[in-house]
């Protein structure tokens, strides 16, 4: 998901998406620990997605404060 799509969402939708990504990352960490992880690049994509969502949330919070 790109930043433009994220900016169009509400903060509640972004938080829901953030929780889903964190759950997926948790599951991928378990798969990696047990040697079952096939797509290692997915972890990088998830980390960047989490960071992107947090950035948009912070931007929206800064706009609301002004």
PDB file of N, CA and C in Angstrom:
ATOM      1  N   UNK A   1       0.845  -1.170   0.000  1.00  0.00           N
ATOM      2  CA  UNK A   1       0.000   0.000   0.000  1.00  0.00           C
ATOM      3  C   UNK A   1       0.896   1.240   0.000  1.00  0.00           C
ATOM      4  N   UNK A   2       0.608   2.170  -0.872  1.00  0.00           N
ATOM      5  CA  UNK A   2       1.448   3.360  -0.962  1.00  0.00           C
ATOM      6  C   UNK A   2       0.945   4.467  -0.038  1.00  0.00           C
ATOM      7  N   UNK A   3       1.730   5.500   0.091  1.00  0.00           N
ATOM      8  CA  UNK A   3       1.422   6.575   1.032  1.00  0.00           C
ATOM      9  C   UNK A   3       0.157   7.330   0.649  1.00  0.00           C
ATOM     10  N   UNK A   4      -0.107   7.479  -0.638  1.00  0.00           N
ATOM     11  CA  UNK A   4      -1.316   8.199  -1.066  1.00  0.00           C
ATOM     12  C   UNK A   4      -2.575   7.478  -0.597  1.00  0.00           C
ATOM     13  N   UNK A   5      -2.584   6.166  -0.702  1.00  0.00           N
ATOM     14  CA  UNK A   5      -3.745   5.397  -0.249  1.00  0.00           C
ATOM     15  C   UNK A   5      -3.904   5.511   1.261  1.00  0.00           C
ATOM     16  N   UNK A   6      -2.793   5.528   1.970  1.00  0.00           N
ATOM     17  CA  UNK A   6      -2.854   5.623   3.422  1.00  0.00           C
ATOM     18  C   UNK A   6      -3.346   6.995   3.872  1.00  0.00           C
ATOM     19  N   UNK A   7      -2.942   8.045   3.171  1.00  0.00           N
ATOM     20  CA  UNK A   7      -3.359   9.391   3.548  1.00  0.00           C
ATOM     21  C   UNK A   7      -4.864   9.581   3.386  1.00  0.00           C
ATOM     22  N   UNK A   8      -5.468   8.790   2.507  1.00  0.00           N
ATOM     23  CA  UNK A   8      -6.903   8.904   2.279  1.00  0.00           C
ATOM     24  C   UNK A   8      -7.723   8.222   3.368  1.00  0.00           C
ATOM     25  N   UNK A   9      -7.088   7.398   4.186  1.00  0.00           N
ATOM     26  CA  UNK A   9      -7.806   6.663   5.234  1.00  0.00           C
ATOM     27  C   UNK A   9      -7.901   7.484   6.508  1.00  0.00           C
ATOM     28  N   UNK A  10      -8.870   7.106   7.338  1.00  0.00           N
ATOM     29  CA  UNK A  10      -9.028   7.762   8.628  1.00  0.00           C
ATOM     30  C   UNK A  10      -8.022   7.176   9.624  1.00  0.00           C
ATOM     31  N   UNK A  11      -7.751   7.891  10.709  1.00  0.00           N
ATOM     32  CA  UNK A  11      -6.827   7.352  11.714  1.00  0.00           C
ATOM     33  C   UNK A  11      -7.263   5.999  12.294  1.00  0.00           C
ATOM     34  N   UNK A  12      -8.564   5.803  12.444  1.00  0.00           N
ATOM     35  CA  UNK A  12      -9.040   4.511  12.963  1.00  0.00           C
ATOM     36  C   UNK A  12      -8.746   3.381  11.987  1.00  0.00           C
ATOM     37  N   UNK A  13      -8.945   3.646  10.702  1.00  0.00           N
ATOM     38  CA  UNK A  13      -8.636   2.638   9.688  1.00  0.00           C
ATOM     39  C   UNK A  13      -7.142   2.342   9.667  1.00  0.00           C
ATOM     40  N   UNK A  14      -6.332   3.377   9.842  1.00  0.00           N
ATOM     41  CA  UNK A  14      -4.883   3.191   9.854  1.00  0.00           C
ATOM     42  C   UNK A  14      -4.453   2.354  11.057  1.00  0.00           C
ATOM     43  N   UNK A  15      -5.055   2.605  12.198  1.00  0.00           N
ATOM     44  CA  UNK A  15      -4.709   1.820  13.390  1.00  0.00           C
ATOM     45  C   UNK A  15      -5.096   0.357  13.213  1.00  0.00           C
ATOM     46  N   UNK A  16      -6.235   0.112  12.584  1.00  0.00           N
ATOM     47  CA  UNK A  16      -6.668  -1.260  12.317  1.00  0.00           C
ATOM     48  C   UNK A  16      -5.678  -1.955  11.389  1.00  0.00           C
ATOM     49  N   UNK A  17      -5.249  -1.245  10.357  1.00  0.00           N
ATOM     50  CA  UNK A  17      -4.270  -1.788   9.411  1.00  0.00           C
ATOM     51  C   UNK A  17      -2.939  -2.056  10.120  1.00  0.00           C
ATOM     52  N   UNK A  18      -2.555  -1.175  11.023  1.00  0.00           N
ATOM     53  CA  UNK A  18      -1.310  -1.328  11.773  1.00  0.00           C
ATOM     54  C   UNK A  18      -1.348  -2.581  12.639  1.00  0.00           C
ATOM     55  N   UNK A  19      -2.465  -2.821  13.300  1.00  0.00           N
ATOM     56  CA  UNK A  19      -2.607  -4.012  14.132  1.00  0.00           C
ATOM     57  C   UNK A  19      -2.512  -5.269  13.269  1.00  0.00           C
ATOM     58  N   UNK A  20      -3.133  -5.250  12.112  1.00  0.00           N
ATOM     59  CA  UNK A  20      -3.089  -6.417  11.225  1.00  0.00           C
ATOM     60  C   UNK A  20      -1.661  -6.695  10.758  1.00  0.00           C
ATOM     61  N   UNK A  21      -0.918  -5.653  10.408  1.00  0.00           N
ATOM     62  CA  UNK A  21       0.458  -5.843   9.965  1.00  0.00           C
ATOM     63  C   UNK A  21       1.336  -6.361  11.093  1.00  0.00           C
ATOM     64  N   UNK A  22       1.116  -5.862  12.299  1.00  0.00           N
ATOM     65  CA  UNK A  22       1.915  -6.331  13.433  1.00  0.00           C
ATOM     66  C   UNK A  22       1.624  -7.794  13.756  1.00  0.00           C
ATOM     67  N   UNK A  23       0.368  -8.206  13.620  1.00  0.00           N
ATOM     68  CA  UNK A  23       0.023  -9.619  13.841  1.00  0.00           C
ATOM     69  C   UNK A  23       0.701 -10.499  12.800  1.00  0.00           C
ATOM     70  N   UNK A  24       0.691 -10.033  11.554  1.00  0.00           N
ATOM     71  CA  UNK A  24       1.334 -10.798  10.493  1.00  0.00           C
ATOM     72  C   UNK A  24       2.841 -10.903  10.724  1.00  0.00           C
ATOM     73  N   UNK A  25       3.447  -9.810  11.175  1.00  0.00           N
ATOM     74  CA  UNK A  25       4.881  -9.819  11.464  1.00  0.00           C
ATOM     75  C   UNK A  25       5.189 -10.791  12.599  1.00  0.00           C
ATOM     76  N   UNK A  26       4.336 -10.826  13.595  1.00  0.00           N
ATOM     77  CA  UNK A  26       4.504 -11.756  14.713  1.00  0.00           C
ATOM     78  C   UNK A  26       4.484 -13.200  14.206  1.00  0.00           C
ATOM     79  N   UNK A  27       3.520 -13.501  13.350  1.00  0.00           N
ATOM     80  CA  UNK A  27       3.430 -14.858  12.803  1.00  0.00           C
ATOM     81  C   UNK A  27       4.642 -15.201  11.945  1.00  0.00           C
ATOM     82  N   UNK A  28       5.127 -14.235  11.185  1.00  0.00           N
ATOM     83  CA  UNK A  28       6.303 -14.481  10.356  1.00  0.00           C
ATOM     84  C   UNK A  28       7.550 -14.720  11.202  1.00  0.00           C
ATOM     85  N   UNK A  29       7.655 -14.027  12.330  1.00  0.00           N
ATOM     86  CA  UNK A  29       8.794 -14.266  13.221  1.00  0.00           C
ATOM     87  C   UNK A  29       8.773 -15.688  13.762  1.00  0.00           C
ATOM     88  N   UNK A  30       7.595 -16.197  14.082  1.00  0.00           N
ATOM     89  CA  UNK A  30       7.491 -17.576  14.547  1.00  0.00           C
ATOM     90  C   UNK A  30       7.859 -18.550  13.429  1.00  0.00           C
ATOM     91  N   UNK A  31       7.411 -18.269  12.224  1.00  0.00           N
ATOM     92  CA  UNK A  31       7.760 -19.130  11.101  1.00  0.00           C
ATOM     93  C   UNK A  31       9.262 -19.139  10.874  1.00  0.00           C
ATOM     94  N   UNK A  32       9.888 -17.981  11.024  1.00  0.00           N
ATOM     95  CA  UNK A  32      11.332 -17.907  10.828  1.00  0.00           C
ATOM     96  C   UNK A  32      12.059 -18.698  11.915  1.00  0.00           C
ATOM     97  N   UNK A  33      11.566 -18.610  13.136  1.00  0.00           N
ATOM     98  CA  UNK A  33      12.213 -19.309  14.246  1.00  0.00           C
ATOM     99  C   UNK A  33      12.121 -20.822  14.089  1.00  0.00           C
ATOM    100  N   UNK A  34      11.042 -21.295  13.482  1.00  0.00           N
ATOM    101  CA  UNK A  34      10.862 -22.733  13.307  1.00  0.00           C
ATOM    102  C   UNK A  34      11.371 -23.222  11.961  1.00  0.00           C
ATOM    103  N   UNK A  35      11.905 -22.319  11.143  1.00  0.00           N
ATOM    104  CA  UNK A  35      12.452 -22.706   9.854  1.00  0.00           C
ATOM    105  C   UNK A  35      11.413 -22.924   8.773  1.00  0.00           C
ATOM    106  N   UNK A  36      10.218 -22.399   8.954  1.00  0.00           N
ATOM    107  CA  UNK A  36       9.144 -22.599   7.978  1.00  0.00           C
ATOM    108  C   UNK A  36       8.927 -21.394   7.067  1.00  0.00           C
ATOM    109  N   UNK A  37       9.664 -20.321   7.298  1.00  0.00           N
ATOM    110  CA  UNK A  37       9.467 -19.099   6.522  1.00  0.00           C
ATOM    111  C   UNK A  37      10.047 -19.274   5.123  1.00  0.00           C
ATOM    112  N   UNK A  38       9.200 -19.090   4.114  1.00  0.00           N
ATOM    113  CA  UNK A  38       9.632 -19.265   2.733  1.00  0.00           C
ATOM    114  C   UNK A  38       9.983 -17.927   2.076  1.00  0.00           C
ATOM    115  N   UNK A  39       9.166 -16.910   2.319  1.00  0.00           N
ATOM    116  CA  UNK A  39       9.371 -15.617   1.673  1.00  0.00           C
ATOM    117  C   UNK A  39       9.955 -14.642   2.698  1.00  0.00           C
ATOM    118  N   UNK A  40      11.269 -14.587   2.770  1.00  0.00           N
ATOM    119  CA  UNK A  40      11.918 -13.734   3.764  1.00  0.00           C
ATOM    120  C   UNK A  40      11.762 -12.254   3.438  1.00  0.00           C
ATOM    121  N   UNK A  41      11.536 -11.926   2.193  1.00  0.00           N
ATOM    122  CA  UNK A  41      11.374 -10.529   1.805  1.00  0.00           C
ATOM    123  C   UNK A  41      10.081  -9.935   2.366  1.00  0.00           C
ATOM    124  N   UNK A  42       9.124 -10.789   2.700  1.00  0.00           N
ATOM    125  CA  UNK A  42       7.846 -10.310   3.245  1.00  0.00           C
ATOM    126  C   UNK A  42       8.058  -9.571   4.569  1.00  0.00           C
ATOM    127  N   UNK A  43       9.045 -10.005   5.357  1.00  0.00           N
ATOM    128  CA  UNK A  43       9.309  -9.345   6.638  1.00  0.00           C
ATOM    129  C   UNK A  43       9.732  -7.891   6.413  1.00  0.00           C
ATOM    130  N   UNK A  44      10.563  -7.677   5.412  1.00  0.00           N
ATOM    131  CA  UNK A  44      11.012  -6.321   5.097  1.00  0.00           C
ATOM    132  C   UNK A  44       9.837  -5.464   4.641  1.00  0.00           C
ATOM    133  N   UNK A  45       8.977  -6.023   3.816  1.00  0.00           N
ATOM    134  CA  UNK A  45       7.815  -5.292   3.323  1.00  0.00           C
ATOM    135  C   UNK A  45       6.903  -4.904   4.493  1.00  0.00           C
ATOM    136  N   UNK A  46       6.727  -5.820   5.436  1.00  0.00           N
ATOM    137  CA  UNK A  46       5.876  -5.535   6.591  1.00  0.00           C
ATOM    138  C   UNK A  46       6.464  -4.427   7.457  1.00  0.00           C
ATOM    139  N   UNK A  47       7.769  -4.497   7.709  1.00  0.00           N
ATOM    140  CA  UNK A  47       8.407  -3.463   8.537  1.00  0.00           C
ATOM    141  C   UNK A  47       8.241  -2.089   7.902  1.00  0.00           C
ATOM    142  N   UNK A  48       8.410  -2.033   6.605  1.00  0.00           N
ATOM    143  CA  UNK A  48       8.260  -0.750   5.905  1.00  0.00           C
ATOM    144  C   UNK A  48       6.808  -0.289   5.908  1.00  0.00           C
ATOM    145  N   UNK A  49       5.895  -1.230   5.799  1.00  0.00           N
ATOM    146  CA  UNK A  49       4.476  -0.879   5.856  1.00  0.00           C
ATOM    147  C   UNK A  49       4.088  -0.311   7.207  1.00  0.00           C
ATOM    148  N   UNK A  50       4.607  -0.923   8.268  1.00  0.00           N
ATOM    149  CA  UNK A  50       4.344  -0.421   9.617  1.00  0.00           C
ATOM    150  C   UNK A  50       4.905   0.990   9.760  1.00  0.00           C
ATOM    151  N   UNK A  51       6.119   1.191   9.295  1.00  0.00           N
ATOM    152  CA  UNK A  51       6.731   2.515   9.388  1.00  0.00           C
ATOM    153  C   UNK A  51       5.947   3.544   8.580  1.00  0.00           C
ATOM    154  N   UNK A  52       5.469   3.143   7.423  1.00  0.00           N
ATOM    155  CA  UNK A  52       4.710   4.060   6.565  1.00  0.00           C
ATOM    156  C   UNK A  52       3.414   4.469   7.258  1.00  0.00           C
ATOM    157  N   UNK A  53       2.726   3.509   7.876  1.00  0.00           N
ATOM    158  CA  UNK A  53       1.470   3.812   8.565  1.00  0.00           C
ATOM    159  C   UNK A  53       1.732   4.726   9.760  1.00  0.00           C
ATOM    160  N   UNK A  54       2.783   4.436  10.523  1.00  0.00           N
ATOM    161  CA  UNK A  54       3.098   5.282  11.671  1.00  0.00           C
ATOM    162  C   UNK A  54       3.424   6.708  11.233  1.00  0.00           C
ATOM    163  N   UNK A  55       4.115   6.847  10.115  1.00  0.00           N
ATOM    164  CA  UNK A  55       4.449   8.172   9.598  1.00  0.00           C
ATOM    165  C   UNK A  55       3.192   8.945   9.242  1.00  0.00           C
ATOM    166  N   UNK A  56       2.268   8.295   8.556  1.00  0.00           N
ATOM    167  CA  UNK A  56       1.026   8.971   8.161  1.00  0.00           C
ATOM    168  C   UNK A  56       0.207   9.330   9.397  1.00  0.00           C
ATOM    169  N   UNK A  57       0.164   8.444  10.388  1.00  0.00           N
ATOM    170  CA  UNK A  57      -0.558   8.740  11.614  1.00  0.00           C
ATOM    171  C   UNK A  57       0.042   9.966  12.327  1.00  0.00           C
ATOM    172  N   UNK A  58       1.356  10.031  12.375  1.00  0.00           N
ATOM    173  CA  UNK A  58       2.020  11.182  13.004  1.00  0.00           C
ATOM    174  C   UNK A  58       1.754  12.466  12.229  1.00  0.00           C
ATOM    175  N   UNK A  59       1.727  12.373  10.907  1.00  0.00           N
ATOM    176  CA  UNK A  59       1.427  13.552  10.101  1.00  0.00           C
ATOM    177  C   UNK A  59       0.002  14.043  10.360  1.00  0.00           C
ATOM    178  N   UNK A  60      -0.931  13.103  10.450  1.00  0.00           N
ATOM    179  CA  UNK A  60      -2.323  13.485  10.708  1.00  0.00           C
ATOM    180  C   UNK A  60      -2.456  14.098  12.104  1.00  0.00           C
ATOM    181  N   UNK A  61      -1.721  13.557  13.084  1.00  0.00           N
ATOM    182  CA  UNK A  61      -1.768  14.106  14.432  1.00  0.00           C
ATOM    183  C   UNK A  61      -1.190  15.518  14.463  1.00  0.00           C
ATOM    184  N   UNK A  62      -0.122  15.748  13.709  1.00  0.00           N
ATOM    185  CA  UNK A  62       0.488  17.080  13.653  1.00  0.00           C
ATOM    186  C   UNK A  62      -0.463  18.087  12.992  1.00  0.00           C
ATOM    187  N   UNK A  63      -1.151  17.642  11.960  1.00  0.00           N
ATOM    188  CA  UNK A  63      -2.121  18.524  11.299  1.00  0.00           C
ATOM    189  C   UNK A  63      -3.257  18.879  12.230  1.00  0.00           C
ATOM    190  N   UNK A  64      -3.715  17.893  13.009  1.00  0.00           N
ATOM    191  CA  UNK A  64      -4.817  18.129  13.928  1.00  0.00           C
ATOM    192  C   UNK A  64      -4.396  19.077  15.053  1.00  0.00           C
ATOM    193  N   UNK A  65      -3.128  19.027  15.439  1.00  0.00           N
ATOM    194  CA  UNK A  65      -2.645  19.895  16.515  1.00  0.00           C
ATOM    195  C   UNK A  65      -2.542  21.349  16.075  1.00  0.00           C
ATOM    196  N   UNK A  66      -2.350  21.553  14.790  1.00  0.00           N
ATOM    197  CA  UNK A  66      -2.218  22.935  14.288  1.00  0.00           C
ATOM    198  C   UNK A  66      -3.551  23.476  14.029  1.00  0.00           C
TER     199      UNK A  66
END
